[in-house]
Amino acid sequence: KFAKLREALNTEQRRLDVLQRELSLAQIQNYSDPNVAMREQFDRTEIKKRTADIDQQKALVDSAKQAIADLEEELRKKGLPAGWSAP
């Protein structure tokens, strides 16, 4: 169980990293079309969307961390060896 939860956490953290990199790229990206550049300068729809995606992914990462903590707590309550939760 712990291996599956840690794998899920690792996956969610990697997705978060990718989203953060995409946001950084979007913030510095130059548009060759002046109409798009003007619209994005004032509207910032792409950056708002990416920021919302990052917030959602952070919630998934927190959820994965909480699942591991809950399983560790269950292990502790049952009096099982703590080493079972080690990666």
N, C-alpha and C. Protein backbone atom coordinates (compact mmCIF):
# COMPACT_ATOMS: atom_id res chain seq x y z
N LYS A 1 0.82 -1.20 0.00
CA LYS A 1 0.00 0.00 0.00
C LYS A 1 0.87 1.26 0.00
N PHE A 2 1.91 1.22 0.84
CA PHE A 2 2.76 2.40 0.92
C PHE A 2 3.47 2.67 -0.40
N ALA A 3 3.90 1.62 -1.08
CA ALA A 3 4.60 1.80 -2.36
C ALA A 3 3.68 2.45 -3.39
N LYS A 4 2.43 2.00 -3.42
CA LYS A 4 1.48 2.58 -4.38
C LYS A 4 1.21 4.04 -4.05
N LEU A 5 1.04 4.35 -2.77
CA LEU A 5 0.78 5.74 -2.38
C LEU A 5 1.98 6.63 -2.65
N ARG A 6 3.18 6.12 -2.39
CA ARG A 6 4.38 6.92 -2.67
C ARG A 6 4.57 7.13 -4.17
N GLU A 7 4.22 6.13 -4.95
CA GLU A 7 4.31 6.26 -6.41
C GLU A 7 3.31 7.31 -6.90
N ALA A 8 2.11 7.29 -6.34
CA ALA A 8 1.10 8.29 -6.71
C ALA A 8 1.56 9.68 -6.31
N LEU A 9 2.14 9.82 -5.13
CA LEU A 9 2.65 11.11 -4.68
C LEU A 9 3.76 11.60 -5.60
N ASN A 10 4.66 10.73 -5.98
CA ASN A 10 5.76 11.09 -6.88
C ASN A 10 5.22 11.57 -8.23
N THR A 11 4.22 10.87 -8.74
CA THR A 11 3.61 11.26 -10.02
C THR A 11 2.98 12.64 -9.92
N GLU A 12 2.22 12.88 -8.85
CA GLU A 12 1.55 14.17 -8.68
C GLU A 12 2.57 15.30 -8.51
N GLN A 13 3.67 15.04 -7.81
CA GLN A 13 4.70 16.05 -7.64
C GLN A 13 5.39 16.37 -8.97
N ARG A 14 5.60 15.35 -9.79
CA ARG A 14 6.20 15.61 -11.11
C ARG A 14 5.26 16.42 -12.00
N ARG A 15 3.97 16.12 -11.93
CA ARG A 15 3.00 16.90 -12.71
C ARG A 15 3.00 18.36 -12.25
N LEU A 16 3.07 18.57 -10.95
CA LEU A 16 3.12 19.93 -10.41
C LEU A 16 4.35 20.65 -10.92
N ASP A 17 5.49 19.98 -10.93
CA ASP A 17 6.72 20.58 -11.42
C ASP A 17 6.59 21.00 -12.88
N VAL A 18 6.00 20.15 -13.68
CA VAL A 18 5.80 20.47 -15.11
C VAL A 18 4.89 21.69 -15.25
N LEU A 19 3.81 21.72 -14.48
CA LEU A 19 2.89 22.86 -14.57
C LEU A 19 3.58 24.16 -14.14
N GLN A 20 4.42 24.10 -13.13
CA GLN A 20 5.13 25.29 -12.69
C GLN A 20 6.12 25.75 -13.75
N ARG A 21 6.75 24.82 -14.42
CA ARG A 21 7.67 25.19 -15.51
C ARG A 21 6.91 25.82 -16.67
N GLU A 22 5.74 25.27 -16.98
CA GLU A 22 4.94 25.84 -18.07
C GLU A 22 4.48 27.25 -17.73
N LEU A 23 4.14 27.48 -16.46
CA LEU A 23 3.74 28.82 -16.04
C LEU A 23 4.91 29.79 -16.18
N SER A 24 6.09 29.37 -15.77
CA SER A 24 7.27 30.24 -15.90
C SER A 24 7.52 30.59 -17.37
N LEU A 25 7.37 29.59 -18.22
CA LEU A 25 7.56 29.83 -19.64
C LEU A 25 6.50 30.79 -20.18
N ALA A 26 5.27 30.61 -19.76
CA ALA A 26 4.19 31.48 -20.24
C ALA A 26 4.40 32.92 -19.78
N GLN A 27 4.99 33.09 -18.61
CA GLN A 27 5.19 34.45 -18.10
C GLN A 27 6.26 35.21 -18.86
N ILE A 28 7.20 34.50 -19.45
CA ILE A 28 8.28 35.19 -20.18
C ILE A 28 8.17 35.06 -21.68
N GLN A 29 7.17 34.32 -22.14
CA GLN A 29 7.05 34.04 -23.57
C GLN A 29 6.67 35.30 -24.33
N ASN A 30 7.29 35.47 -25.49
CA ASN A 30 6.97 36.58 -26.37
C ASN A 30 6.09 36.07 -27.50
N TYR A 31 5.08 36.82 -27.83
CA TYR A 31 4.19 36.45 -28.92
C TYR A 31 4.59 37.22 -30.17
N SER A 32 4.69 36.50 -31.28
CA SER A 32 5.07 37.16 -32.53
C SER A 32 3.90 37.93 -33.12
N ASP A 33 2.68 37.53 -32.81
CA ASP A 33 1.49 38.23 -33.30
C ASP A 33 1.17 39.37 -32.32
N PRO A 34 1.24 40.63 -32.78
CA PRO A 34 1.02 41.75 -31.86
C PRO A 34 -0.39 41.77 -31.26
N ASN A 35 -1.38 41.25 -31.98
CA ASN A 35 -2.74 41.23 -31.44
C ASN A 35 -2.83 40.29 -30.23
N VAL A 36 -2.21 39.14 -30.36
CA VAL A 36 -2.20 38.19 -29.25
C VAL A 36 -1.41 38.78 -28.07
N ALA A 37 -0.29 39.41 -28.38
CA ALA A 37 0.54 40.00 -27.33
C ALA A 37 -0.22 41.07 -26.56
N MET A 38 -0.95 41.90 -27.26
CA MET A 38 -1.73 42.96 -26.60
C MET A 38 -2.84 42.36 -25.73
N ARG A 39 -3.52 41.36 -26.26
CA ARG A 39 -4.62 40.73 -25.51
C ARG A 39 -4.08 40.06 -24.25
N GLU A 40 -3.00 39.32 -24.39
CA GLU A 40 -2.42 38.62 -23.24
C GLU A 40 -1.84 39.59 -22.22
N GLN A 41 -1.35 40.72 -22.69
CA GLN A 41 -0.76 41.69 -21.79
C GLN A 41 -1.79 42.19 -20.78
N PHE A 42 -3.02 42.38 -21.23
CA PHE A 42 -4.05 42.93 -20.35
C PHE A 42 -4.96 41.85 -19.77
N ASP A 43 -5.18 40.80 -20.50
CA ASP A 43 -6.12 39.77 -20.08
C ASP A 43 -5.44 38.68 -19.25
N ARG A 44 -4.27 38.26 -19.65
CA ARG A 44 -3.48 37.23 -18.97
C ARG A 44 -4.26 35.94 -18.76
N THR A 45 -5.09 35.56 -19.72
CA THR A 45 -5.91 34.36 -19.57
C THR A 45 -5.07 33.10 -19.44
N GLU A 46 -4.00 33.02 -20.22
CA GLU A 46 -3.16 31.82 -20.18
C GLU A 46 -2.50 31.67 -18.80
N ILE A 47 -2.01 32.77 -18.26
CA ILE A 47 -1.35 32.71 -16.96
C ILE A 47 -2.35 32.40 -15.86
N LYS A 48 -3.55 32.96 -15.95
CA LYS A 48 -4.59 32.67 -14.96
C LYS A 48 -4.98 31.19 -15.00
N LYS A 49 -5.08 30.66 -16.21
CA LYS A 49 -5.44 29.24 -16.37
C LYS A 49 -4.35 28.34 -15.79
N ARG A 50 -3.11 28.65 -16.10
CA ARG A 50 -2.00 27.83 -15.60
C ARG A 50 -1.88 27.94 -14.07
N THR A 51 -2.13 29.11 -13.53
CA THR A 51 -2.10 29.28 -12.09
C THR A 51 -3.20 28.45 -11.42
N ALA A 52 -4.38 28.44 -12.01
CA ALA A 52 -5.47 27.63 -11.48
C ALA A 52 -5.13 26.14 -11.57
N ASP A 53 -4.51 25.73 -12.65
CA ASP A 53 -4.08 24.33 -12.80
C ASP A 53 -3.07 23.96 -11.72
N ILE A 54 -2.15 24.88 -11.43
CA ILE A 54 -1.14 24.63 -10.40
C ILE A 54 -1.81 24.50 -9.03
N ASP A 55 -2.77 25.36 -8.73
CA ASP A 55 -3.47 25.28 -7.45
C ASP A 55 -4.20 23.94 -7.31
N GLN A 56 -4.81 23.50 -8.39
CA GLN A 56 -5.50 22.22 -8.38
C GLN A 56 -4.51 21.06 -8.18
N GLN A 57 -3.36 21.14 -8.83
CA GLN A 57 -2.36 20.09 -8.70
C GLN A 57 -1.77 20.07 -7.29
N LYS A 58 -1.60 21.26 -6.68
CA LYS A 58 -1.10 21.31 -5.31
C LYS A 58 -2.08 20.61 -4.36
N ALA A 59 -3.36 20.76 -4.63
CA ALA A 59 -4.36 20.07 -3.81
C ALA A 59 -4.24 18.56 -3.96
N LEU A 60 -3.96 18.09 -5.18
CA LEU A 60 -3.77 16.66 -5.40
C LEU A 60 -2.52 16.14 -4.68
N VAL A 61 -1.46 16.93 -4.69
CA VAL A 61 -0.23 16.54 -3.99
C VAL A 61 -0.50 16.46 -2.49
N ASP A 62 -1.20 17.46 -1.96
CA ASP A 62 -1.54 17.45 -0.54
C ASP A 62 -2.41 16.25 -0.19
N SER A 63 -3.33 15.90 -1.07
CA SER A 63 -4.19 14.75 -0.86
C SER A 63 -3.38 13.45 -0.83
N ALA A 64 -2.41 13.35 -1.72
CA ALA A 64 -1.55 12.15 -1.75
C ALA A 64 -0.71 12.06 -0.49
N LYS A 65 -0.20 13.21 -0.01
CA LYS A 65 0.58 13.22 1.23
C LYS A 65 -0.30 12.82 2.41
N GLN A 66 -1.54 13.31 2.41
CA GLN A 66 -2.46 12.99 3.50
C GLN A 66 -2.80 11.50 3.50
N ALA A 67 -2.93 10.90 2.33
CA ALA A 67 -3.22 9.46 2.25
C ALA A 67 -2.09 8.65 2.88
N ILE A 68 -0.85 9.06 2.64
CA ILE A 68 0.29 8.37 3.25
C ILE A 68 0.27 8.56 4.77
N ALA A 69 0.01 9.78 5.21
CA ALA A 69 -0.03 10.05 6.65
C ALA A 69 -1.15 9.26 7.32
N ASP A 70 -2.30 9.15 6.66
CA ASP A 70 -3.41 8.38 7.21
C ASP A 70 -3.05 6.90 7.34
N LEU A 71 -2.37 6.37 6.33
CA LEU A 71 -1.98 4.97 6.38
C LEU A 71 -0.92 4.74 7.47
N GLU A 72 0.00 5.69 7.64
CA GLU A 72 0.98 5.58 8.72
C GLU A 72 0.29 5.62 10.08
N GLU A 73 -0.72 6.46 10.23
CA GLU A 73 -1.48 6.55 11.47
C GLU A 73 -2.22 5.25 11.72
N GLU A 74 -2.80 4.67 10.69
CA GLU A 74 -3.49 3.39 10.81
C GLU A 74 -2.51 2.30 11.26
N LEU A 75 -1.32 2.32 10.69
CA LEU A 75 -0.28 1.37 11.06
C LEU A 75 0.09 1.53 12.54
N ARG A 76 0.22 2.77 12.97
CA ARG A 76 0.57 3.04 14.36
C ARG A 76 -0.52 2.57 15.31
N LYS A 77 -1.78 2.85 14.96
CA LYS A 77 -2.90 2.46 15.82
C LYS A 77 -3.02 0.94 15.96
N LYS A 78 -2.67 0.23 14.90
CA LYS A 78 -2.74 -1.23 14.95
C LYS A 78 -1.54 -1.85 15.66
N GLY A 79 -0.56 -1.02 16.01
CA GLY A 79 0.61 -1.50 16.72
C GLY A 79 1.57 -2.29 15.85
N LEU A 80 1.52 -2.07 14.56
CA LEU A 80 2.41 -2.77 13.63
C LEU A 80 3.76 -2.06 13.56
N PRO A 81 4.80 -2.75 13.13
CA PRO A 81 6.14 -2.12 13.07
C PRO A 81 6.16 -0.89 12.16
N ALA A 82 6.80 0.17 12.66
CA ALA A 82 6.88 1.41 11.90
C ALA A 82 7.72 1.24 10.64
N GLY A 83 8.61 0.27 10.64
CA GLY A 83 9.46 0.02 9.48
C GLY A 83 8.69 -0.39 8.24
N TRP A 84 7.46 -0.83 8.43
CA TRP A 84 6.65 -1.24 7.27
C TRP A 84 6.31 -0.05 6.38
N SER A 85 6.35 1.13 6.94
CA SER A 85 6.01 2.30 6.13
C SER A 85 7.22 2.87 5.39
N ALA A 86 8.40 2.33 5.65
CA ALA A 86 9.61 2.82 5.00
C ALA A 86 9.60 2.50 3.51
N PRO A 87 10.15 3.41 2.71
CA PRO A 87 10.15 3.17 1.26
C PRO A 87 11.01 2.02 0.83
